[in-house]
Amino acid sequence: RVVEVHRNAFHVVGEGLDEAILPVRNATVGD
């Protein structure tokens, strides 16, 4: 799940995952 949206990065969290990734087109916080 996208928990933070910054200008140049998304912060995503899942099972065993907690990291920053490059933005995904047409996605937003909560996706």
PDB file of all heavy atoms in Angstrom:
ATOM      1  N   ARG A   1       0.845  -1.199   0.000  1.00  0.00           N
ATOM      2  CA  ARG A   1       0.000   0.000   0.000  1.00  0.00           C
ATOM      3  C   ARG A   1       0.877   1.244   0.000  1.00  0.00           C
ATOM      4  O   ARG A   1       1.896   1.312   0.696  1.00  0.00           O
ATOM      5  CB  ARG A   1      -0.925   0.020   1.217  1.00  0.00           C
ATOM      6  CG  ARG A   1      -2.056   1.044   1.041  1.00  0.00           C
ATOM      7  CD  ARG A   1      -3.155   0.913   2.045  1.00  0.00           C
ATOM      8  NE  ARG A   1      -4.299   1.725   1.629  1.00  0.00           N
ATOM      9  CZ  ARG A   1      -5.323   2.043   2.415  1.00  0.00           C
ATOM     10  NH1 ARG A   1      -5.390   1.575   3.645  1.00  0.00           N
ATOM     11  NH2 ARG A   1      -6.300   2.801   1.947  1.00  0.00           N
ATOM     12  N   VAL A   2       0.461   2.233  -0.781  1.00  0.00           N
ATOM     13  CA  VAL A   2       1.179   3.507  -0.820  1.00  0.00           C
ATOM     14  C   VAL A   2       0.787   4.302   0.428  1.00  0.00           C
ATOM     15  O   VAL A   2      -0.372   4.696   0.587  1.00  0.00           O
ATOM     16  CB  VAL A   2       0.832   4.310  -2.089  1.00  0.00           C
ATOM     17  CG1 VAL A   2       1.599   5.632  -2.099  1.00  0.00           C
ATOM     18  CG2 VAL A   2       1.121   3.500  -3.340  1.00  0.00           C
ATOM     19  N   VAL A   3       1.757   4.539   1.307  1.00  0.00           N
ATOM     20  CA  VAL A   3       1.462   5.247   2.553  1.00  0.00           C
ATOM     21  C   VAL A   3       1.998   6.671   2.564  1.00  0.00           C
ATOM     22  O   VAL A   3       1.615   7.473   3.426  1.00  0.00           O
ATOM     23  CB  VAL A   3       2.008   4.473   3.772  1.00  0.00           C
ATOM     24  CG1 VAL A   3       1.276   3.149   3.940  1.00  0.00           C
ATOM     25  CG2 VAL A   3       3.510   4.238   3.660  1.00  0.00           C
ATOM     26  N   GLU A   4       2.891   7.003   1.639  1.00  0.00           N
ATOM     27  CA  GLU A   4       3.370   8.381   1.508  1.00  0.00           C
ATOM     28  C   GLU A   4       3.622   8.684   0.038  1.00  0.00           C
ATOM     29  O   GLU A   4       4.090   7.821  -0.709  1.00  0.00           O
ATOM     30  CB  GLU A   4       4.681   8.608   2.276  1.00  0.00           C
ATOM     31  CG  GLU A   4       4.560   8.530   3.779  1.00  0.00           C
ATOM     32  CD  GLU A   4       5.897   8.822   4.462  1.00  0.00           C
ATOM     33  OE1 GLU A   4       6.485   9.892   4.168  1.00  0.00           O
ATOM     34  OE2 GLU A   4       6.350   7.993   5.255  1.00  0.00           O
ATOM     35  N   VAL A   5       3.298   9.907  -0.348  1.00  0.00           N
ATOM     36  CA  VAL A   5       3.573  10.373  -1.706  1.00  0.00           C
ATOM     37  C   VAL A   5       4.428  11.628  -1.624  1.00  0.00           C
ATOM     38  O   VAL A   5       4.006  12.641  -1.053  1.00  0.00           O
ATOM     39  CB  VAL A   5       2.267  10.668  -2.473  1.00  0.00           C
ATOM     40  CG1 VAL A   5       2.570  11.381  -3.780  1.00  0.00           C
ATOM     41  CG2 VAL A   5       1.500   9.388  -2.740  1.00  0.00           C
ATOM     42  N   HIS A   6       5.650  11.525  -2.145  1.00  0.00           N
ATOM     43  CA  HIS A   6       6.545  12.666  -2.263  1.00  0.00           C
ATOM     44  C   HIS A   6       6.716  12.994  -3.744  1.00  0.00           C
ATOM     45  O   HIS A   6       6.270  12.249  -4.619  1.00  0.00           O
ATOM     46  CB  HIS A   6       7.897  12.355  -1.625  1.00  0.00           C
ATOM     47  CG  HIS A   6       7.820  12.109  -0.147  1.00  0.00           C
ATOM     48  ND1 HIS A   6       8.048  13.085   0.799  1.00  0.00           N
ATOM     49  CD2 HIS A   6       7.518  10.973   0.543  1.00  0.00           C
ATOM     50  CE1 HIS A   6       7.908  12.576   2.003  1.00  0.00           C
ATOM     51  NE2 HIS A   6       7.584  11.287   1.877  1.00  0.00           N
ATOM     52  N   ARG A   7       7.382  14.077  -4.020  1.00  0.00           N
ATOM     53  CA  ARG A   7       7.538  14.520  -5.405  1.00  0.00           C
ATOM     54  C   ARG A   7       8.243  13.470  -6.265  1.00  0.00           C
ATOM     55  O   ARG A   7       7.849  13.225  -7.406  1.00  0.00           O
ATOM     56  CB  ARG A   7       8.311  15.841  -5.450  1.00  0.00           C
ATOM     57  CG  ARG A   7       8.438  16.435  -6.856  1.00  0.00           C
ATOM     58  CD  ARG A   7       9.233  17.719  -6.821  1.00  0.00           C
ATOM     59  NE  ARG A   7       8.582  18.720  -5.994  1.00  0.00           N
ATOM     60  CZ  ARG A   7       7.637  19.552  -6.417  1.00  0.00           C
ATOM     61  NH1 ARG A   7       7.234  19.495  -7.675  1.00  0.00           N
ATOM     62  NH2 ARG A   7       7.093  20.436  -5.601  1.00  0.00           N
ATOM     63  N   ASN A   8       9.273  12.838  -5.706  1.00  0.00           N
ATOM     64  CA  ASN A   8      10.081  11.917  -6.513  1.00  0.00           C
ATOM     65  C   ASN A   8      10.087  10.490  -5.991  1.00  0.00           C
ATOM     66  O   ASN A   8      10.909   9.676  -6.441  1.00  0.00           O
ATOM     67  CB  ASN A   8      11.528  12.437  -6.581  1.00  0.00           C
ATOM     68  CG  ASN A   8      11.628  13.793  -7.251  1.00  0.00           C
ATOM     69  OD1 ASN A   8      11.052  13.993  -8.316  1.00  0.00           O
ATOM     70  ND2 ASN A   8      12.324  14.721  -6.627  1.00  0.00           N
ATOM     71  N   ALA A   9       9.210  10.168  -5.065  1.00  0.00           N
ATOM     72  CA  ALA A   9       9.219   8.813  -4.518  1.00  0.00           C
ATOM     73  C   ALA A   9       7.902   8.493  -3.831  1.00  0.00           C
ATOM     74  O   ALA A   9       7.187   9.390  -3.362  1.00  0.00           O
ATOM     75  CB  ALA A   9      10.372   8.637  -3.531  1.00  0.00           C
ATOM     76  N   PHE A  10       7.565   7.205  -3.815  1.00  0.00           N
ATOM     77  CA  PHE A  10       6.465   6.676  -3.024  1.00  0.00           C
ATOM     78  C   PHE A  10       7.066   5.858  -1.881  1.00  0.00           C
ATOM     79  O   PHE A  10       8.103   5.218  -2.035  1.00  0.00           O
ATOM     80  CB  PHE A  10       5.584   5.727  -3.854  1.00  0.00           C
ATOM     81  CG  PHE A  10       4.649   6.402  -4.811  1.00  0.00           C
ATOM     82  CD1 PHE A  10       4.579   7.776  -4.931  1.00  0.00           C
ATOM     83  CD2 PHE A  10       3.811   5.629  -5.614  1.00  0.00           C
ATOM     84  CE1 PHE A  10       3.706   8.379  -5.820  1.00  0.00           C
ATOM     85  CE2 PHE A  10       2.932   6.215  -6.502  1.00  0.00           C
ATOM     86  CZ  PHE A  10       2.878   7.598  -6.617  1.00  0.00           C
ATOM     87  N   HIS A  11       6.392   5.865  -0.744  1.00  0.00           N
ATOM     88  CA  HIS A  11       6.736   4.961   0.346  1.00  0.00           C
ATOM     89  C   HIS A  11       5.645   3.901   0.390  1.00  0.00           C
ATOM     90  O   HIS A  11       4.466   4.226   0.518  1.00  0.00           O
ATOM     91  CB  HIS A  11       6.807   5.721   1.665  1.00  0.00           C
ATOM     92  CG  HIS A  11       7.221   4.882   2.834  1.00  0.00           C
ATOM     93  ND1 HIS A  11       7.308   5.381   4.108  1.00  0.00           N
ATOM     94  CD2 HIS A  11       7.554   3.564   2.936  1.00  0.00           C
ATOM     95  CE1 HIS A  11       7.684   4.431   4.936  1.00  0.00           C
ATOM     96  NE2 HIS A  11       7.827   3.313   4.253  1.00  0.00           N
ATOM     97  N   VAL A  12       6.040   2.629   0.249  1.00  0.00           N
ATOM     98  CA  VAL A  12       5.077   1.533   0.223  1.00  0.00           C
ATOM     99  C   VAL A  12       5.368   0.566   1.362  1.00  0.00           C
ATOM    100  O   VAL A  12       6.518   0.393   1.782  1.00  0.00           O
ATOM    101  CB  VAL A  12       5.095   0.778  -1.128  1.00  0.00           C
ATOM    102  CG1 VAL A  12       4.717   1.719  -2.262  1.00  0.00           C
ATOM    103  CG2 VAL A  12       6.462   0.149  -1.397  1.00  0.00           C
ATOM    104  N   VAL A  13       4.294  -0.063   1.856  1.00  0.00           N
ATOM    105  CA  VAL A  13       4.403  -1.017   2.952  1.00  0.00           C
ATOM    106  C   VAL A  13       3.582  -2.242   2.625  1.00  0.00           C
ATOM    107  O   VAL A  13       2.463  -2.133   2.106  1.00  0.00           O
ATOM    108  CB  VAL A  13       3.921  -0.399   4.287  1.00  0.00           C
ATOM    109  CG1 VAL A  13       3.989  -1.423   5.414  1.00  0.00           C
ATOM    110  CG2 VAL A  13       4.744   0.823   4.646  1.00  0.00           C
ATOM    111  N   GLY A  14       4.124  -3.405   2.915  1.00  0.00           N
ATOM    112  CA  GLY A  14       3.408  -4.669   2.738  1.00  0.00           C
ATOM    113  C   GLY A  14       3.982  -5.702   3.674  1.00  0.00           C
ATOM    114  O   GLY A  14       4.687  -5.359   4.633  1.00  0.00           O
ATOM    115  N   GLU A  15       3.705  -6.956   3.443  1.00  0.00           N
ATOM    116  CA  GLU A  15       4.269  -8.009   4.280  1.00  0.00           C
ATOM    117  C   GLU A  15       5.772  -8.122   4.017  1.00  0.00           C
ATOM    118  O   GLU A  15       6.197  -8.476   2.912  1.00  0.00           O
ATOM    119  CB  GLU A  15       3.579  -9.346   3.962  1.00  0.00           C
ATOM    120  CG  GLU A  15       4.241 -10.548   4.608  1.00  0.00           C
ATOM    121  CD  GLU A  15       4.439 -10.391   6.107  1.00  0.00           C
ATOM    122  OE1 GLU A  15       3.591  -9.751   6.756  1.00  0.00           O
ATOM    123  OE2 GLU A  15       5.449 -10.893   6.613  1.00  0.00           O
ATOM    124  N   GLY A  16       6.578  -7.775   5.032  1.00  0.00           N
ATOM    125  CA  GLY A  16       8.024  -7.828   4.890  1.00  0.00           C
ATOM    126  C   GLY A  16       8.591  -6.749   3.996  1.00  0.00           C
ATOM    127  O   GLY A  16       9.766  -6.815   3.627  1.00  0.00           O
ATOM    128  N   LEU A  17       7.789  -5.761   3.631  1.00  0.00           N
ATOM    129  CA  LEU A  17       8.229  -4.680   2.737  1.00  0.00           C
ATOM    130  C   LEU A  17       7.941  -3.334   3.381  1.00  0.00           C
ATOM    131  O   LEU A  17       6.835  -3.097   3.880  1.00  0.00           O
ATOM    132  CB  LEU A  17       7.512  -4.772   1.385  1.00  0.00           C
ATOM    133  CG  LEU A  17       7.838  -5.994   0.524  1.00  0.00           C
ATOM    134  CD1 LEU A  17       6.816  -6.135  -0.590  1.00  0.00           C
ATOM    135  CD2 LEU A  17       9.233  -5.864  -0.062  1.00  0.00           C
ATOM    136  N   ASP A  18       8.926  -2.472   3.391  1.00  0.00           N
ATOM    137  CA  ASP A  18       8.783  -1.137   3.967  1.00  0.00           C
ATOM    138  C   ASP A  18       9.871  -0.278   3.340  1.00  0.00           C
ATOM    139  O   ASP A  18      10.979  -0.191   3.852  1.00  0.00           O
ATOM    140  CB  ASP A  18       8.943  -1.210   5.488  1.00  0.00           C
ATOM    141  CG  ASP A  18       8.578   0.098   6.178  1.00  0.00           C
ATOM    142  OD1 ASP A  18       8.489   1.129   5.482  1.00  0.00           O
ATOM    143  OD2 ASP A  18       8.378   0.085   7.405  1.00  0.00           O
ATOM    144  N   GLU A  19       9.580   0.326   2.193  1.00  0.00           N
ATOM    145  CA  GLU A  19      10.652   0.964   1.437  1.00  0.00           C
ATOM    146  C   GLU A  19      10.142   2.078   0.532  1.00  0.00           C
ATOM    147  O   GLU A  19       8.936   2.229   0.321  1.00  0.00           O
ATOM    148  CB  GLU A  19      11.376  -0.082   0.591  1.00  0.00           C
ATOM    149  CG  GLU A  19      10.478  -0.779  -0.419  1.00  0.00           C
ATOM    150  CD  GLU A  19      11.151  -1.991  -1.060  1.00  0.00           C
ATOM    151  OE1 GLU A  19      11.433  -2.973  -0.345  1.00  0.00           O
ATOM    152  OE2 GLU A  19      11.383  -1.925  -2.286  1.00  0.00           O
ATOM    153  N   ALA A  20      11.087   2.838  -0.006  1.00  0.00           N
ATOM    154  CA  ALA A  20      10.785   3.883  -0.987  1.00  0.00           C
ATOM    155  C   ALA A  20      10.996   3.326  -2.383  1.00  0.00           C
ATOM    156  O   ALA A  20      11.932   2.571  -2.623  1.00  0.00           O
ATOM    157  CB  ALA A  20      11.685   5.093  -0.770  1.00  0.00           C
ATOM    158  N   ILE A  21      10.083   3.692  -3.296  1.00  0.00           N
ATOM    159  CA  ILE A  21      10.213   3.272  -4.690  1.00  0.00           C
ATOM    160  C   ILE A  21       9.992   4.481  -5.579  1.00  0.00           C
ATOM    161  O   ILE A  21       9.472   5.517  -5.131  1.00  0.00           O
ATOM    162  CB  ILE A  21       9.197   2.168  -5.058  1.00  0.00           C
ATOM    163  CG1 ILE A  21       7.760   2.719  -4.971  1.00  0.00           C
ATOM    164  CG2 ILE A  21       9.372   0.939  -4.182  1.00  0.00           C
ATOM    165  CD1 ILE A  21       6.696   1.767  -5.522  1.00  0.00           C
ATOM    166  N   LEU A  22      10.361   4.361  -6.834  1.00  0.00           N
ATOM    167  CA  LEU A  22      10.056   5.415  -7.795  1.00  0.00           C
ATOM    168  C   LEU A  22       8.545   5.497  -7.983  1.00  0.00           C
ATOM    169  O   LEU A  22       7.844   4.483  -7.879  1.00  0.00           O
ATOM    170  CB  LEU A  22      10.738   5.139  -9.132  1.00  0.00           C
ATOM    171  CG  LEU A  22      12.266   5.248  -9.142  1.00  0.00           C
ATOM    172  CD1 LEU A  22      12.817   4.800 -10.489  1.00  0.00           C
ATOM    173  CD2 LEU A  22      12.703   6.680  -8.836  1.00  0.00           C
ATOM    174  N   PRO A  23       7.994   6.676  -8.262  1.00  0.00           N
ATOM    175  CA  PRO A  23       6.542   6.828  -8.380  1.00  0.00           C
ATOM    176  C   PRO A  23       5.944   5.935  -9.463  1.00  0.00           C
ATOM    177  O   PRO A  23       6.563   5.664 -10.488  1.00  0.00           O
ATOM    178  CB  PRO A  23       6.367   8.307  -8.733  1.00  0.00           C
ATOM    179  CG  PRO A  23       7.585   8.970  -8.204  1.00  0.00           C
ATOM    180  CD  PRO A  23       8.700   7.969  -8.387  1.00  0.00           C
ATOM    181  N   VAL A  24       4.715   5.492  -9.212  1.00  0.00           N
ATOM    182  CA  VAL A  24       3.948   4.695 -10.163  1.00  0.00           C
ATOM    183  C   VAL A  24       2.921   5.613 -10.810  1.00  0.00           C
ATOM    184  O   VAL A  24       2.171   6.311 -10.123  1.00  0.00           O
ATOM    185  CB  VAL A  24       3.244   3.516  -9.468  1.00  0.00           C
ATOM    186  CG1 VAL A  24       2.397   2.725 -10.463  1.00  0.00           C
ATOM    187  CG2 VAL A  24       4.279   2.616  -8.797  1.00  0.00           C
ATOM    188  N   ARG A  25       2.870   5.615 -12.122  1.00  0.00           N
ATOM    189  CA  ARG A  25       1.981   6.527 -12.855  1.00  0.00           C
ATOM    190  C   ARG A  25       0.520   6.254 -12.496  1.00  0.00           C
ATOM    191  O   ARG A  25       0.084   5.111 -12.380  1.00  0.00           O
ATOM    192  CB  ARG A  25       2.190   6.347 -14.360  1.00  0.00           C
ATOM    193  CG  ARG A  25       1.518   7.405 -15.216  1.00  0.00           C
ATOM    194  CD  ARG A  25       1.991   7.292 -16.654  1.00  0.00           C
ATOM    195  NE  ARG A  25       1.409   8.311 -17.492  1.00  0.00           N
ATOM    196  CZ  ARG A  25       0.267   8.150 -18.177  1.00  0.00           C
ATOM    197  NH1 ARG A  25      -0.372   7.008 -18.109  1.00  0.00           N
ATOM    198  NH2 ARG A  25      -0.202   9.130 -18.922  1.00  0.00           N
ATOM    199  N   ASN A  26      -0.233   7.327 -12.311  1.00  0.00           N
ATOM    200  CA  ASN A  26      -1.664   7.263 -12.020  1.00  0.00           C
ATOM    201  C   ASN A  26      -1.968   6.564 -10.695  1.00  0.00           C
ATOM    202  O   ASN A  26      -3.054   6.013 -10.510  1.00  0.00           O
ATOM    203  CB  ASN A  26      -2.434   6.568 -13.148  1.00  0.00           C
ATOM    204  CG  ASN A  26      -2.394   7.363 -14.443  1.00  0.00           C
ATOM    205  OD1 ASN A  26      -2.374   8.593 -14.415  1.00  0.00           O
ATOM    206  ND2 ASN A  26      -2.367   6.669 -15.566  1.00  0.00           N
ATOM    207  N   ALA A  27      -1.026   6.592  -9.761  1.00  0.00           N
ATOM    208  CA  ALA A  27      -1.266   6.070  -8.414  1.00  0.00           C
ATOM    209  C   ALA A  27      -1.205   7.218  -7.425  1.00  0.00           C
ATOM    210  O   ALA A  27      -0.628   8.280  -7.701  1.00  0.00           O
ATOM    211  CB  ALA A  27      -0.250   4.998  -8.060  1.00  0.00           C
ATOM    212  N   THR A  28      -1.782   7.011  -6.243  1.00  0.00           N
ATOM    213  CA  THR A  28      -1.783   8.048  -5.227  1.00  0.00           C
ATOM    214  C   THR A  28      -1.735   7.398  -3.853  1.00  0.00           C
ATOM    215  O   THR A  28      -1.766   6.165  -3.729  1.00  0.00           O
ATOM    216  CB  THR A  28      -3.026   8.953  -5.375  1.00  0.00           C
ATOM    217  OG1 THR A  28      -2.927  10.065  -4.462  1.00  0.00           O
ATOM    218  CG2 THR A  28      -4.312   8.191  -5.070  1.00  0.00           C
ATOM    219  N   VAL A  29      -1.675   8.216  -2.819  1.00  0.00           N
ATOM    220  CA  VAL A  29      -1.625   7.679  -1.464  1.00  0.00           C
ATOM    221  C   VAL A  29      -2.902   6.883  -1.177  1.00  0.00           C
ATOM    222  O   VAL A  29      -3.995   7.278  -1.573  1.00  0.00           O
ATOM    223  CB  VAL A  29      -1.437   8.826  -0.444  1.00  0.00           C
ATOM    224  CG1 VAL A  29      -2.657   9.758  -0.402  1.00  0.00           C
ATOM    225  CG2 VAL A  29      -1.158   8.282   0.949  1.00  0.00           C
ATOM    226  N   GLY A  30      -2.735   5.736  -0.526  1.00  0.00           N
ATOM    227  CA  GLY A  30      -3.871   4.869  -0.233  1.00  0.00           C
ATOM    228  C   GLY A  30      -4.064   3.768  -1.256  1.00  0.00           C
ATOM    229  O   GLY A  30      -4.800   2.804  -0.995  1.00  0.00           O
ATOM    230  N   ASP A  31      -3.430   3.874  -2.413  1.00  0.00           N
ATOM    231  CA  ASP A  31      -3.563   2.844  -3.450  1.00  0.00           C
ATOM    232  C   ASP A  31      -2.889   1.550  -3.015  1.00  0.00           C
ATOM    233  O   ASP A  31      -1.894   1.545  -2.284  1.00  0.00           O
ATOM    234  CB  ASP A  31      -2.934   3.321  -4.767  1.00  0.00           C
ATOM    235  CG  ASP A  31      -3.941   3.951  -5.703  1.00  0.00           C
ATOM    236  OD1 ASP A  31      -5.082   3.465  -5.759  1.00  0.00           O
ATOM    237  OD2 ASP A  31      -3.587   4.931  -6.391  1.00  0.00           O
TER     238      ASP A  31
END
